[in-house]
Amino acid sequence: MSSPHVIYLKCFVSKAGDGSINADCRLQGQDWIEGTNTLYHFADKLDNKGNFHSRKQFIIVYPRPLEELKKGETFAKEVKDKYTEMYGQSAKSVEKKWFEFWK
């Protein structure tokens, strides 16, 4: 696999109440067996108490040289400032009930 500018990873894992596991991991759209095995082992250790449990995540990685990375505090402030600029209010002032997440 060549070194891409953007790396994307699609992960899915589920564990049914009967203990059966379904896992899928794709790196750049191709099956990634090491990732799938890791997800399978994660689910195998998961105590779902007989209930169905699933997780799905799409991860995008944009590799940068270390000297281009910002400190966490600086980056967090920039994100909050951009949010305030876009929505006219600070991120902390937005409080919604859990069942109103779509609003």
C-alpha atoms as a PDB file:
ATOM      1  CA  MET A   1       0.000   0.000   0.000  1.00  0.00           C
ATOM      2  CA  SER A   2       1.412   3.401  -0.938  1.00  0.00           C
ATOM      3  CA  SER A   3       1.625   6.232   1.590  1.00  0.00           C
ATOM      4  CA  PRO A   4      -1.599   8.244   1.108  1.00  0.00           C
ATOM      5  CA  HIS A   5      -2.207  11.845   2.166  1.00  0.00           C
ATOM      6  CA  VAL A   6      -5.351  10.827   4.052  1.00  0.00           C
ATOM      7  CA  ILE A   7      -5.824   7.489   5.774  1.00  0.00           C
ATOM      8  CA  TYR A   8      -9.322   6.240   6.484  1.00  0.00           C
ATOM      9  CA  LEU A   9     -10.401   3.326   8.601  1.00  0.00           C
ATOM     10  CA  LYS A  10     -13.922   1.912   8.846  1.00  0.00           C
ATOM     11  CA  CYS A  11     -14.601  -0.281  11.880  1.00  0.00           C
ATOM     12  CA  PHE A  12     -17.639  -2.283  12.924  1.00  0.00           C
ATOM     13  CA  VAL A  13     -18.051  -4.846  15.672  1.00  0.00           C
ATOM     14  CA  SER A  14     -21.098  -6.400  17.307  1.00  0.00           C
ATOM     15  CA  LYS A  15     -21.770  -9.013  19.933  1.00  0.00           C
ATOM     16  CA  ALA A  16     -25.187 -10.625  20.160  1.00  0.00           C
ATOM     17  CA  GLY A  17     -26.861 -11.790  23.327  1.00  0.00           C
ATOM     18  CA  ASP A  18     -25.871 -15.369  22.546  1.00  0.00           C
ATOM     19  CA  GLY A  19     -22.177 -14.357  22.392  1.00  0.00           C
ATOM     20  CA  SER A  20     -21.789 -14.482  18.610  1.00  0.00           C
ATOM     21  CA  ILE A  21     -19.448 -11.795  17.245  1.00  0.00           C
ATOM     22  CA  ASN A  22     -19.381  -9.963  13.928  1.00  0.00           C
ATOM     23  CA  ALA A  23     -16.384  -7.762  13.132  1.00  0.00           C
ATOM     24  CA  ASP A  24     -15.242  -5.873  10.051  1.00  0.00           C
ATOM     25  CA  CYS A  25     -12.345  -3.468   9.600  1.00  0.00           C
ATOM     26  CA  ARG A  26     -11.352  -1.768   6.350  1.00  0.00           C
ATOM     27  CA  LEU A  27      -8.238   0.295   5.767  1.00  0.00           C
ATOM     28  CA  GLN A  28      -8.442   2.481   2.652  1.00  0.00           C
ATOM     29  CA  GLY A  29     -11.491   0.425   1.623  1.00  0.00           C
ATOM     30  CA  GLN A  30      -9.624  -2.890   1.726  1.00  0.00           C
ATOM     31  CA  ASP A  31     -10.184  -5.694   4.245  1.00  0.00           C
ATOM     32  CA  TRP A  32      -7.669  -5.334   7.068  1.00  0.00           C
ATOM     33  CA  ILE A  33      -7.434  -8.666   8.854  1.00  0.00           C
ATOM     34  CA  GLU A  34      -5.259  -7.383  11.722  1.00  0.00           C
ATOM     35  CA  GLY A  35      -7.845  -4.694  12.510  1.00  0.00           C
ATOM     36  CA  THR A  36     -10.707  -7.166  12.227  1.00  0.00           C
ATOM     37  CA  ASN A  37      -8.938  -9.557  14.618  1.00  0.00           C
ATOM     38  CA  THR A  38      -8.377  -6.741  17.119  1.00  0.00           C
ATOM     39  CA  LEU A  39     -12.069  -5.808  17.022  1.00  0.00           C
ATOM     40  CA  TYR A  40     -13.038  -9.469  17.421  1.00  0.00           C
ATOM     41  CA  HIS A  41     -10.832  -9.818  20.528  1.00  0.00           C
ATOM     42  CA  PHE A  42     -12.255  -6.582  21.930  1.00  0.00           C
ATOM     43  CA  ALA A  43     -15.810  -7.915  21.559  1.00  0.00           C
ATOM     44  CA  ASP A  44     -14.840 -11.301  22.946  1.00  0.00           C
ATOM     45  CA  LYS A  45     -13.830  -9.655  26.240  1.00  0.00           C
ATOM     46  CA  LEU A  46     -16.912  -7.415  26.307  1.00  0.00           C
ATOM     47  CA  ASP A  47     -19.459  -8.312  28.973  1.00  0.00           C
ATOM     48  CA  ASN A  48     -22.713  -7.352  27.257  1.00  0.00           C
ATOM     49  CA  LYS A  49     -24.804  -9.156  29.885  1.00  0.00           C
ATOM     50  CA  GLY A  50     -26.776 -11.085  27.251  1.00  0.00           C
ATOM     51  CA  ASN A  51     -27.743  -7.948  25.291  1.00  0.00           C
ATOM     52  CA  PHE A  52     -26.864  -6.947  21.754  1.00  0.00           C
ATOM     53  CA  HIS A  53     -24.001  -4.446  21.600  1.00  0.00           C
ATOM     54  CA  SER A  54     -22.423  -2.832  18.552  1.00  0.00           C
ATOM     55  CA  ARG A  55     -19.946  -0.102  17.715  1.00  0.00           C
ATOM     56  CA  LYS A  56     -19.268   1.509  14.383  1.00  0.00           C
ATOM     57  CA  GLN A  57     -16.698   4.185  13.701  1.00  0.00           C
ATOM     58  CA  PHE A  58     -15.176   5.881  10.698  1.00  0.00           C
ATOM     59  CA  ILE A  59     -11.736   7.307  11.398  1.00  0.00           C
ATOM     60  CA  ILE A  60      -9.856   9.750   9.187  1.00  0.00           C
ATOM     61  CA  VAL A  61      -6.166  10.369   9.808  1.00  0.00           C
ATOM     62  CA  TYR A  62      -4.350  13.224   8.134  1.00  0.00           C
ATOM     63  CA  PRO A  63      -0.637  12.562   8.777  1.00  0.00           C
ATOM     64  CA  ARG A  64       1.459  15.622   9.594  1.00  0.00           C
ATOM     65  CA  PRO A  65       5.059  16.071  10.688  1.00  0.00           C
ATOM     66  CA  LEU A  66       5.397  16.456  14.469  1.00  0.00           C
ATOM     67  CA  GLU A  67       6.604  20.038  14.197  1.00  0.00           C
ATOM     68  CA  GLU A  68       3.277  21.005  12.559  1.00  0.00           C
ATOM     69  CA  LEU A  69       1.162  19.693  15.435  1.00  0.00           C
ATOM     70  CA  LYS A  70      -0.277  22.198  17.887  1.00  0.00           C
ATOM     71  CA  LYS A  71      -0.414  21.858  21.645  1.00  0.00           C
ATOM     72  CA  GLY A  72      -3.720  20.530  22.959  1.00  0.00           C
ATOM     73  CA  GLU A  73      -4.692  23.748  24.726  1.00  0.00           C
ATOM     74  CA  THR A  74      -3.998  25.850  21.629  1.00  0.00           C
ATOM     75  CA  PHE A  75      -5.953  23.505  19.388  1.00  0.00           C
ATOM     76  CA  ALA A  76      -8.912  23.307  21.815  1.00  0.00           C
ATOM     77  CA  LYS A  77      -9.089  27.133  21.979  1.00  0.00           C
ATOM     78  CA  GLU A  78      -9.044  27.387  18.169  1.00  0.00           C
ATOM     79  CA  VAL A  79     -11.889  24.848  17.894  1.00  0.00           C
ATOM     80  CA  LYS A  80     -13.982  26.707  20.505  1.00  0.00           C
ATOM     81  CA  ASP A  81     -13.311  30.063  18.812  1.00  0.00           C
ATOM     82  CA  LYS A  82     -14.276  28.660  15.399  1.00  0.00           C
ATOM     83  CA  TYR A  83     -17.480  27.189  16.868  1.00  0.00           C
ATOM     84  CA  THR A  84     -18.365  30.560  18.393  1.00  0.00           C
ATOM     85  CA  GLU A  85     -17.644  32.283  15.078  1.00  0.00           C
ATOM     86  CA  MET A  86     -19.822  29.823  13.138  1.00  0.00           C
ATOM     87  CA  TYR A  87     -22.756  29.579  15.546  1.00  0.00           C
ATOM     88  CA  GLY A  88     -22.621  32.867  17.433  1.00  0.00           C
ATOM     89  CA  GLN A  89     -22.418  31.223  20.852  1.00  0.00           C
ATOM     90  CA  SER A  90     -19.838  29.386  22.863  1.00  0.00           C
ATOM     91  CA  ALA A  91     -19.795  25.609  22.787  1.00  0.00           C
ATOM     92  CA  LYS A  92     -20.485  25.466  26.529  1.00  0.00           C
ATOM     93  CA  SER A  93     -23.731  27.428  26.230  1.00  0.00           C
ATOM     94  CA  VAL A  94     -25.366  24.780  24.056  1.00  0.00           C
ATOM     95  CA  GLU A  95     -27.199  22.411  26.362  1.00  0.00           C
ATOM     96  CA  LYS A  96     -29.703  19.924  25.024  1.00  0.00           C
ATOM     97  CA  LYS A  97     -31.474  16.982  26.493  1.00  0.00           C
ATOM     98  CA  TRP A  98     -30.064  13.661  25.319  1.00  0.00           C
ATOM     99  CA  PHE A  99     -33.179  12.901  23.268  1.00  0.00           C
ATOM    100  CA  GLU A 100     -32.918  16.214  21.356  1.00  0.00           C
ATOM    101  CA  PHE A 101     -29.515  15.444  19.835  1.00  0.00           C
ATOM    102  CA  TRP A 102     -30.759  16.043  16.272  1.00  0.00           C
ATOM    103  CA  LYS A 103     -31.793  19.676  16.878  1.00  0.00           C
END
